PDB file of N, CA and C in Angstrom:
ATOM      1  N   MET A   1       6.563  -6.028 -16.096  1.00  0.00           N
ATOM      2  CA  MET A   1       5.361  -6.635 -15.540  1.00  0.00           C
ATOM      3  C   MET A   1       4.144  -6.087 -16.274  1.00  0.00           C
ATOM      4  N   SER A   2       3.147  -6.921 -16.432  1.00  0.00           N
ATOM      5  CA  SER A   2       1.923  -6.481 -17.100  1.00  0.00           C
ATOM      6  C   SER A   2       1.137  -5.552 -16.179  1.00  0.00           C
ATOM      7  N   GLU A   3       0.203  -4.848 -16.776  1.00  0.00           N
ATOM      8  CA  GLU A   3      -0.623  -3.911 -16.032  1.00  0.00           C
ATOM      9  C   GLU A   3      -1.405  -4.638 -14.942  1.00  0.00           C
ATOM     10  N   ILE A   4      -1.521  -4.010 -13.791  1.00  0.00           N
ATOM     11  CA  ILE A   4      -2.245  -4.582 -12.665  1.00  0.00           C
ATOM     12  C   ILE A   4      -3.748  -4.435 -12.904  1.00  0.00           C
ATOM     13  N   ASN A   5      -4.483  -5.525 -12.767  1.00  0.00           N
ATOM     14  CA  ASN A   5      -5.930  -5.507 -12.907  1.00  0.00           C
ATOM     15  C   ASN A   5      -6.525  -5.206 -11.526  1.00  0.00           C
ATOM     16  N   ARG A   6      -6.945  -3.937 -11.331  1.00  0.00           N
ATOM     17  CA  ARG A   6      -7.457  -3.510 -10.026  1.00  0.00           C
ATOM     18  C   ARG A   6      -8.665  -4.309  -9.578  1.00  0.00           C
ATOM     19  N   GLU A   7      -9.566  -4.635 -10.512  1.00  0.00           N
ATOM     20  CA  GLU A   7     -10.769  -5.399 -10.139  1.00  0.00           C
ATOM     21  C   GLU A   7     -10.394  -6.784  -9.640  1.00  0.00           C
ATOM     22  N   LYS A   8      -9.415  -7.412 -10.297  1.00  0.00           N
ATOM     23  CA  LYS A   8      -8.969  -8.741  -9.877  1.00  0.00           C
ATOM     24  C   LYS A   8      -8.323  -8.679  -8.493  1.00  0.00           C
ATOM     25  N   VAL A   9      -7.489  -7.677  -8.279  1.00  0.00           N
ATOM     26  CA  VAL A   9      -6.852  -7.512  -6.963  1.00  0.00           C
ATOM     27  C   VAL A   9      -7.927  -7.292  -5.902  1.00  0.00           C
ATOM     28  N   ALA A  10      -8.885  -6.428  -6.187  1.00  0.00           N
ATOM     29  CA  ALA A  10      -9.947  -6.140  -5.211  1.00  0.00           C
ATOM     30  C   ALA A  10     -10.723  -7.407  -4.849  1.00  0.00           C
ATOM     31  N   LYS A  11     -11.030  -8.244  -5.839  1.00  0.00           N
ATOM     32  CA  LYS A  11     -11.747  -9.498  -5.567  1.00  0.00           C
ATOM     33  C   LYS A  11     -10.905 -10.438  -4.719  1.00  0.00           C
ATOM     34  N   GLU A  12      -9.619 -10.537  -5.031  1.00  0.00           N
ATOM     35  CA  GLU A  12      -8.727 -11.409  -4.257  1.00  0.00           C
ATOM     36  C   GLU A  12      -8.588 -10.915  -2.822  1.00  0.00           C
ATOM     37  N   TRP A  13      -8.426  -9.608  -2.672  1.00  0.00           N
ATOM     38  CA  TRP A  13      -8.298  -9.059  -1.322  1.00  0.00           C
ATOM     39  C   TRP A  13      -9.590  -9.253  -0.536  1.00  0.00           C
ATOM     40  N   LEU A  14     -10.744  -9.060  -1.176  1.00  0.00           N
ATOM     41  CA  LEU A  14     -12.020  -9.240  -0.487  1.00  0.00           C
ATOM     42  C   LEU A  14     -12.162 -10.676   0.011  1.00  0.00           C
ATOM     43  N   LYS A  15     -11.734 -11.642  -0.796  1.00  0.00           N
ATOM     44  CA  LYS A  15     -11.763 -13.045  -0.369  1.00  0.00           C
ATOM     45  C   LYS A  15     -10.925 -13.255   0.888  1.00  0.00           C
ATOM     46  N   ARG A  16      -9.859 -12.460   1.020  1.00  0.00           N
ATOM     47  CA  ARG A  16      -8.961 -12.556   2.177  1.00  0.00           C
ATOM     48  C   ARG A  16      -9.374 -11.615   3.306  1.00  0.00           C
ATOM     49  N   GLY A  17     -10.494 -10.885   3.104  1.00  0.00           N
ATOM     50  CA  GLY A  17     -11.032 -10.044   4.169  1.00  0.00           C
ATOM     51  C   GLY A  17     -10.509  -8.627   4.196  1.00  0.00           C
ATOM     52  N   PHE A  18     -10.110  -8.068   3.015  1.00  0.00           N
ATOM     53  CA  PHE A  18      -9.594  -6.703   2.950  1.00  0.00           C
ATOM     54  C   PHE A  18     -10.410  -5.867   1.959  1.00  0.00           C
ATOM     55  N   THR A  19     -10.507  -4.576   2.255  1.00  0.00           N
ATOM     56  CA  THR A  19     -11.054  -3.624   1.303  1.00  0.00           C
ATOM     57  C   THR A  19      -9.989  -3.359   0.243  1.00  0.00           C
ATOM     58  N   CYS A  20     -10.306  -2.551  -0.767  1.00  0.00           N
ATOM     59  CA  CYS A  20      -9.313  -2.198  -1.789  1.00  0.00           C
ATOM     60  C   CYS A  20      -9.678  -0.849  -2.398  1.00  0.00           C
ATOM     61  N   ASP A  21      -8.785   0.118  -2.225  1.00  0.00           N
ATOM     62  CA  ASP A  21      -8.990   1.448  -2.779  1.00  0.00           C
ATOM     63  C   ASP A  21      -7.690   1.929  -3.412  1.00  0.00           C
ATOM     64  N   LEU A  22      -7.795   2.964  -4.231  1.00  0.00           N
ATOM     65  CA  LEU A  22      -6.646   3.526  -4.927  1.00  0.00           C
ATOM     66  C   LEU A  22      -6.208   4.819  -4.257  1.00  0.00           C
ATOM     67  N   TRP A  23      -4.896   5.002  -4.137  1.00  0.00           N
ATOM     68  CA  TRP A  23      -4.324   6.246  -3.629  1.00  0.00           C
ATOM     69  C   TRP A  23      -3.318   6.744  -4.648  1.00  0.00           C
ATOM     70  N   VAL A  24      -3.248   8.067  -4.837  1.00  0.00           N
ATOM     71  CA  VAL A  24      -2.303   8.678  -5.770  1.00  0.00           C
ATOM     72  C   VAL A  24      -1.493   9.726  -5.011  1.00  0.00           C
ATOM     73  N   ASP A  25      -0.168   9.620  -5.096  1.00  0.00           N
ATOM     74  CA  ASP A  25       0.724  10.575  -4.445  1.00  0.00           C
ATOM     75  C   ASP A  25       1.607  11.262  -5.473  1.00  0.00           C
ATOM     76  N   PRO A  26       1.760  12.590  -5.367  1.00  0.00           N
ATOM     77  CA  PRO A  26       2.693  13.289  -6.243  1.00  0.00           C
ATOM     78  C   PRO A  26       4.135  12.996  -5.815  1.00  0.00           C
ATOM     79  N   PRO A  27       5.112  13.292  -6.667  1.00  0.00           N
ATOM     80  CA  PRO A  27       6.511  13.054  -6.306  1.00  0.00           C
ATOM     81  C   PRO A  27       6.862  13.735  -4.978  1.00  0.00           C
ATOM     82  N   GLY A  28       7.575  13.014  -4.134  1.00  0.00           N
ATOM     83  CA  GLY A  28       8.033  13.556  -2.865  1.00  0.00           C
ATOM     84  C   GLY A  28       7.027  13.510  -1.731  1.00  0.00           C
ATOM     85  N   LYS A  29       5.762  13.211  -2.008  1.00  0.00           N
ATOM     86  CA  LYS A  29       4.737  13.198  -0.950  1.00  0.00           C
ATOM     87  C   LYS A  29       5.084  12.158   0.103  1.00  0.00           C
ATOM     88  N   ARG A  30       5.033  12.562   1.367  1.00  0.00           N
ATOM     89  CA  ARG A  30       5.364  11.677   2.487  1.00  0.00           C
ATOM     90  C   ARG A  30       4.225  11.714   3.500  1.00  0.00           C
ATOM     91  N   TRP A  31       3.839  10.545   3.960  1.00  0.00           N
ATOM     92  CA  TRP A  31       2.851  10.383   5.024  1.00  0.00           C
ATOM     93  C   TRP A  31       3.598   9.782   6.210  1.00  0.00           C
ATOM     94  N   VAL A  32       3.513  10.420   7.374  1.00  0.00           N
ATOM     95  CA  VAL A  32       4.378  10.046   8.494  1.00  0.00           C
ATOM     96  C   VAL A  32       3.572   9.586   9.711  1.00  0.00           C
ATOM     97  N   ASN A  33       4.053   8.490  10.299  1.00  0.00           N
ATOM     98  CA  ASN A  33       3.589   7.993  11.594  1.00  0.00           C
ATOM     99  C   ASN A  33       2.086   7.741  11.685  1.00  0.00           C
ATOM    100  N   PHE A  34       1.613   6.881  10.820  1.00  0.00           N
ATOM    101  CA  PHE A  34       0.220   6.452  10.860  1.00  0.00           C
ATOM    102  C   PHE A  34       0.106   5.146  11.625  1.00  0.00           C
ATOM    103  N   VAL A  35      -1.027   4.958  12.279  1.00  0.00           N
ATOM    104  CA  VAL A  35      -1.337   3.714  12.981  1.00  0.00           C
ATOM    105  C   VAL A  35      -2.795   3.378  12.679  1.00  0.00           C
ATOM    106  N   HIS A  36      -3.041   2.135  12.311  1.00  0.00           N
ATOM    107  CA  HIS A  36      -4.414   1.686  12.070  1.00  0.00           C
ATOM    108  C   HIS A  36      -4.727   0.539  13.021  1.00  0.00           C
ATOM    109  N   GLU A  37      -5.972   0.424  13.405  1.00  0.00           N
ATOM    110  CA  GLU A  37      -6.384  -0.616  14.352  1.00  0.00           C
ATOM    111  C   GLU A  37      -6.491  -1.992  13.715  1.00  0.00           C
ATOM    112  N   VAL A  38      -6.379  -2.053  12.395  1.00  0.00           N
ATOM    113  CA  VAL A  38      -6.477  -3.324  11.669  1.00  0.00           C
ATOM    114  C   VAL A  38      -5.290  -3.450  10.716  1.00  0.00           C
ATOM    115  N   ASP A  39      -5.022  -4.678  10.251  1.00  0.00           N
ATOM    116  CA  ASP A  39      -3.972  -4.891   9.259  1.00  0.00           C
ATOM    117  C   ASP A  39      -4.280  -4.088   8.004  1.00  0.00           C
ATOM    118  N   GLU A  40      -3.211  -3.626   7.339  1.00  0.00           N
ATOM    119  CA  GLU A  40      -3.336  -2.923   6.066  1.00  0.00           C
ATOM    120  C   GLU A  40      -2.474  -3.636   5.037  1.00  0.00           C
ATOM    121  N   VAL A  41      -2.976  -3.754   3.824  1.00  0.00           N
ATOM    122  CA  VAL A  41      -2.207  -4.334   2.737  1.00  0.00           C
ATOM    123  C   VAL A  41      -2.074  -3.254   1.663  1.00  0.00           C
ATOM    124  N   VAL A  42      -0.885  -3.162   1.060  1.00  0.00           N
ATOM    125  CA  VAL A  42      -0.645  -2.180   0.007  1.00  0.00           C
ATOM    126  C   VAL A  42      -0.006  -2.870  -1.192  1.00  0.00           C
ATOM    127  N   MET A  43      -0.230  -2.282  -2.379  1.00  0.00           N
ATOM    128  CA  MET A  43       0.377  -2.780  -3.603  1.00  0.00           C
ATOM    129  C   MET A  43       0.608  -1.586  -4.537  1.00  0.00           C
ATOM    130  N   VAL A  44       1.847  -1.346  -4.887  1.00  0.00           N
ATOM    131  CA  VAL A  44       2.174  -0.276  -5.829  1.00  0.00           C
ATOM    132  C   VAL A  44       1.774  -0.746  -7.228  1.00  0.00           C
ATOM    133  N   ILE A  45       1.035   0.111  -7.956  1.00  0.00           N
ATOM    134  CA  ILE A  45       0.668  -0.250  -9.325  1.00  0.00           C
ATOM    135  C   ILE A  45       1.358   0.651 -10.356  1.00  0.00           C
ATOM    136  N   GLU A  46       1.921   1.760  -9.880  1.00  0.00           N
ATOM    137  CA  GLU A  46       2.702   2.631 -10.763  1.00  0.00           C
ATOM    138  C   GLU A  46       3.569   3.533  -9.898  1.00  0.00           C
ATOM    139  N   GLY A  47       4.819   3.701 -10.260  1.00  0.00           N
ATOM    140  CA  GLY A  47       5.685   4.615  -9.536  1.00  0.00           C
ATOM    141  C   GLY A  47       6.640   3.897  -8.601  1.00  0.00           C
ATOM    142  N   ASP A  48       7.208   4.687  -7.682  1.00  0.00           N
ATOM    143  CA  ASP A  48       8.262   4.196  -6.792  1.00  0.00           C
ATOM    144  C   ASP A  48       7.959   4.637  -5.364  1.00  0.00           C
ATOM    145  N   MET A  49       7.387   3.746  -4.584  1.00  0.00           N
ATOM    146  CA  MET A  49       7.008   4.042  -3.201  1.00  0.00           C
ATOM    147  C   MET A  49       7.952   3.369  -2.214  1.00  0.00           C
ATOM    148  N   GLN A  50       8.040   4.001  -1.062  1.00  0.00           N
ATOM    149  CA  GLN A  50       8.815   3.461   0.059  1.00  0.00           C
ATOM    150  C   GLN A  50       7.896   3.433   1.274  1.00  0.00           C
ATOM    151  N   PHE A  51       7.911   2.323   1.999  1.00  0.00           N
ATOM    152  CA  PHE A  51       7.125   2.176   3.217  1.00  0.00           C
ATOM    153  C   PHE A  51       8.078   1.827   4.351  1.00  0.00           C
ATOM    154  N   GLU A  52       7.878   2.452   5.500  1.00  0.00           N
ATOM    155  CA  GLU A  52       8.745   2.217   6.658  1.00  0.00           C
ATOM    156  C   GLU A  52       7.909   1.773   7.850  1.00  0.00           C
ATOM    157  N   PHE A  53       8.319   0.665   8.465  1.00  0.00           N
ATOM    158  CA  PHE A  53       7.702   0.228   9.717  1.00  0.00           C
ATOM    159  C   PHE A  53       8.593  -0.805  10.383  1.00  0.00           C
ATOM    160  N   GLU A  54       8.468  -0.869  11.686  1.00  0.00           N
ATOM    161  CA  GLU A  54       9.247  -1.801  12.513  1.00  0.00           C
ATOM    162  C   GLU A  54      10.744  -1.716  12.216  1.00  0.00           C
ATOM    163  N   GLY A  55      11.237  -0.492  12.016  1.00  0.00           N
ATOM    164  CA  GLY A  55      12.662  -0.286  11.811  1.00  0.00           C
ATOM    165  C   GLY A  55      13.188  -0.709  10.454  1.00  0.00           C
ATOM    166  N   GLN A  56      12.305  -1.023   9.510  1.00  0.00           N
ATOM    167  CA  GLN A  56      12.740  -1.452   8.186  1.00  0.00           C
ATOM    168  C   GLN A  56      12.124  -0.571   7.106  1.00  0.00           C
ATOM    169  N   VAL A  57      12.888  -0.385   6.038  1.00  0.00           N
ATOM    170  CA  VAL A  57      12.422   0.350   4.875  1.00  0.00           C
ATOM    171  C   VAL A  57      12.119  -0.665   3.781  1.00  0.00           C
ATOM    172  N   HIS A  58      10.933  -0.578   3.210  1.00  0.00           N
ATOM    173  CA  HIS A  58      10.484  -1.508   2.174  1.00  0.00           C
ATOM    174  C   HIS A  58      10.276  -0.744   0.871  1.00  0.00           C
ATOM    175  N   HIS A  59      10.773  -1.308  -0.216  1.00  0.00           N
ATOM    176  CA  HIS A  59      10.603  -0.749  -1.563  1.00  0.00           C
ATOM    177  C   HIS A  59       9.908  -1.804  -2.428  1.00  0.00           C
ATOM    178  N   PRO A  60       8.605  -1.984  -2.265  1.00  0.00           N
ATOM    179  CA  PRO A  60       7.931  -3.030  -3.044  1.00  0.00           C
ATOM    180  C   PRO A  60       7.955  -2.723  -4.544  1.00  0.00           C
ATOM    181  N   GLU A  61       8.179  -3.747  -5.320  1.00  0.00           N
ATOM    182  CA  GLU A  61       8.119  -3.632  -6.776  1.00  0.00           C
ATOM    183  C   GLU A  61       6.660  -3.485  -7.195  1.00  0.00           C
ATOM    184  N   VAL A  62       6.426  -2.968  -8.378  1.00  0.00           N
ATOM    185  CA  VAL A  62       5.064  -2.885  -8.904  1.00  0.00           C
ATOM    186  C   VAL A  62       4.453  -4.288  -8.887  1.00  0.00           C
ATOM    187  N   GLY A  63       3.268  -4.397  -8.301  1.00  0.00           N
ATOM    188  CA  GLY A  63       2.566  -5.671  -8.214  1.00  0.00           C
ATOM    189  C   GLY A  63       2.886  -6.493  -6.978  1.00  0.00           C
ATOM    190  N   GLU A  64       3.882  -6.075  -6.211  1.00  0.00           N
ATOM    191  CA  GLU A  64       4.252  -6.793  -4.988  1.00  0.00           C
ATOM    192  C   GLU A  64       3.381  -6.302  -3.835  1.00  0.00           C
ATOM    193  N   GLU A  65       2.877  -7.239  -3.062  1.00  0.00           N
ATOM    194  CA  GLU A  65       2.018  -6.923  -1.934  1.00  0.00           C
ATOM    195  C   GLU A  65       2.859  -6.761  -0.669  1.00  0.00           C
ATOM    196  N   LEU A  66       2.457  -5.819   0.170  1.00  0.00           N
ATOM    197  CA  LEU A  66       3.134  -5.589   1.440  1.00  0.00           C
ATOM    198  C   LEU A  66       2.077  -5.504   2.530  1.00  0.00           C
ATOM    199  N   LEU A  67       2.245  -6.280   3.596  1.00  0.00           N
ATOM    200  CA  LEU A  67       1.300  -6.278   4.719  1.00  0.00           C
ATOM    201  C   LEU A  67       1.879  -5.436   5.855  1.00  0.00           C
ATOM    202  N   ILE A  68       1.097  -4.477   6.309  1.00  0.00           N
ATOM    203  CA  ILE A  68       1.470  -3.648   7.456  1.00  0.00           C
ATOM    204  C   ILE A  68       0.574  -4.086   8.610  1.00  0.00           C
ATOM    205  N   PRO A  69       1.143  -4.701   9.638  1.00  0.00           N
ATOM    206  CA  PRO A  69       0.327  -5.220  10.738  1.00  0.00           C
ATOM    207  C   PRO A  69      -0.420  -4.119  11.502  1.00  0.00           C
ATOM    208  N   ALA A  70      -1.526  -4.513  12.103  1.00  0.00           N
ATOM    209  CA  ALA A  70      -2.319  -3.602  12.922  1.00  0.00           C
ATOM    210  C   ALA A  70      -1.470  -3.015  14.046  1.00  0.00           C
ATOM    211  N   MET A  71      -1.761  -1.778  14.387  1.00  0.00           N
ATOM    212  CA  MET A  71      -1.163  -1.058  15.512  1.00  0.00           C
ATOM    213  C   MET A  71       0.343  -0.794  15.357  1.00  0.00           C
ATOM    214  N   ILE A  72       0.849  -0.878  14.140  1.00  0.00           N
ATOM    215  CA  ILE A  72       2.262  -0.608  13.867  1.00  0.00           C
ATOM    216  C   ILE A  72       2.386   0.802  13.291  1.00  0.00           C
ATOM    217  N   VAL A  73       3.250   1.614  13.873  1.00  0.00           N
ATOM    218  CA  VAL A  73       3.507   2.948  13.337  1.00  0.00           C
ATOM    219  C   VAL A  73       4.210   2.780  11.997  1.00  0.00           C
ATOM    220  N   HIS A  74       3.692   3.449  10.970  1.00  0.00           N
ATOM    221  CA  HIS A  74       4.279   3.320   9.636  1.00  0.00           C
ATOM    222  C   HIS A  74       4.203   4.634   8.875  1.00  0.00           C
ATOM    223  N   SER A  75       5.095   4.767   7.905  1.00  0.00           N
ATOM    224  CA  SER A  75       5.151   5.941   7.043  1.00  0.00           C
ATOM    225  C   SER A  75       5.306   5.478   5.607  1.00  0.00           C
ATOM    226  N   SER A  76       4.966   6.378   4.670  1.00  0.00           N
ATOM    227  CA  SER A  76       5.148   6.067   3.256  1.00  0.00           C
ATOM    228  C   SER A  76       5.614   7.324   2.535  1.00  0.00           C
ATOM    229  N   GLN A  77       6.304   7.113   1.411  1.00  0.00           N
ATOM    230  CA  GLN A  77       6.769   8.239   0.615  1.00  0.00           C
ATOM    231  C   GLN A  77       6.908   7.839  -0.841  1.00  0.00           C
ATOM    232  N   ASN A  78       6.481   8.742  -1.717  1.00  0.00           N
ATOM    233  CA  ASN A  78       6.727   8.590  -3.142  1.00  0.00           C
ATOM    234  C   ASN A  78       8.160   9.063  -3.370  1.00  0.00           C
ATOM    235  N   ILE A  79       9.065   8.145  -3.638  1.00  0.00           N
ATOM    236  CA  ILE A  79      10.476   8.497  -3.817  1.00  0.00           C
ATOM    237  C   ILE A  79      10.843   8.621  -5.292  1.00  0.00           C
ATOM    238  N   GLY A  80       9.847   8.539  -6.164  1.00  0.00           N
ATOM    239  CA  GLY A  80      10.083   8.649  -7.594  1.00  0.00           C
ATOM    240  C   GLY A  80       9.948  10.079  -8.090  1.00  0.00           C
ATOM    241  N   SER A  81      10.171  10.253  -9.379  1.00  0.00           N
ATOM    242  CA  SER A  81      10.088  11.580  -9.998  1.00  0.00           C
ATOM    243  C   SER A  81       8.742  11.808 -10.694  1.00  0.00           C
ATOM    244  N   SER A  82       7.840  10.845 -10.584  1.00  0.00           N
ATOM    245  CA  SER A  82       6.501  10.993 -11.151  1.00  0.00           C
ATOM    246  C   SER A  82       5.480  10.528 -10.120  1.00  0.00           C
ATOM    247  N   LYS A  83       4.205  10.716 -10.431  1.00  0.00           N
ATOM    248  CA  LYS A  83       3.170  10.309  -9.478  1.00  0.00           C
ATOM    249  C   LYS A  83       3.250   8.812  -9.220  1.00  0.00           C
ATOM    250  N   ALA A  84       2.794   8.423  -8.055  1.00  0.00           N
ATOM    251  CA  ALA A  84       2.735   7.009  -7.677  1.00  0.00           C
ATOM    252  C   ALA A  84       1.281   6.645  -7.422  1.00  0.00           C
ATOM    253  N   LEU A  85       0.874   5.508  -7.954  1.00  0.00           N
ATOM    254  CA  LEU A  85      -0.465   4.979  -7.706  1.00  0.00           C
ATOM    255  C   LEU A  85      -0.298   3.683  -6.931  1.00  0.00           C
ATOM    256  N   TRP A  86      -1.053   3.565  -5.868  1.00  0.00           N
ATOM    257  CA  TRP A  86      -0.972   2.331  -5.096  1.00  0.00           C
ATOM    258  C   TRP A  86      -2.330   1.984  -4.511  1.00  0.00           C
ATOM    259  N   LEU A  87      -2.534   0.682  -4.420  1.00  0.00           N
ATOM    260  CA  LEU A  87      -3.748   0.158  -3.823  1.00  0.00           C
ATOM    261  C   LEU A  87      -3.502  -0.051  -2.339  1.00  0.00           C
ATOM    262  N   TYR A  88      -4.520   0.192  -1.550  1.00  0.00           N
ATOM    263  CA  TYR A  88      -4.437  -0.069  -0.109  1.00  0.00           C
ATOM    264  C   TYR A  88      -5.754  -0.661   0.338  1.00  0.00           C
ATOM    265  N   GLY A  89      -5.670  -1.490   1.343  1.00  0.00           N
ATOM    266  CA  GLY A  89      -6.885  -2.092   1.886  1.00  0.00           C
ATOM    267  C   GLY A  89      -6.721  -2.356   3.367  1.00  0.00           C
ATOM    268  N   TYR A  90      -7.836  -2.293   4.062  1.00  0.00           N
ATOM    269  CA  TYR A  90      -7.856  -2.561   5.498  1.00  0.00           C
ATOM    270  C   TYR A  90      -8.638  -3.846   5.764  1.00  0.00           C
ATOM    271  N   ARG A  91      -8.167  -4.598   6.759  1.00  0.00           N
ATOM    272  CA  ARG A  91      -8.886  -5.812   7.139  1.00  0.00           C
ATOM    273  C   ARG A  91     -10.286  -5.452   7.602  1.00  0.00           C
ATOM    274  N   ILE A  92     -11.250  -6.182   7.072  1.00  0.00           N
ATOM    275  CA  ILE A  92     -12.653  -5.954   7.409  1.00  0.00           C
ATOM    276  C   ILE A  92     -12.964  -6.678   8.718  1.00  0.00           C
ATOM    277  N   ILE A  93     -13.475  -5.926   9.662  1.00  0.00           N
ATOM    278  CA  ILE A  93     -13.844  -6.491  10.967  1.00  0.00           C
ATOM    279  C   ILE A  93     -15.364  -6.584  11.024  1.00  0.00           C
ATOM    280  N   HIS A  94     -15.853  -7.771  11.320  1.00  0.00           N
ATOM    281  CA  HIS A  94     -17.317  -7.970  11.374  1.00  0.00           C
ATOM    282  C   HIS A  94     -17.814  -7.881  12.793  1.00  0.00           C
TER     283      HIS A  94
END
């Protein structure tokens, strides 16, 4: 897959009502049992991430978008041997 254009993703997400920021996790880093009051969208741009919610484990490919619904307990982990970079955004509430 070609390199992800962060500016293009951010513009597309903004049109759909989401913010867009970058997160970097070292190998093995795990974030457990988070809940947000709004929908969250994530997209891996480098590395190997795993996201868990609603009893399912998701392994999105680089460039694949994953929607985590509001008020859902979720966790994430870098399951690769190198750093993982991923975009995340929250639904903008006016």
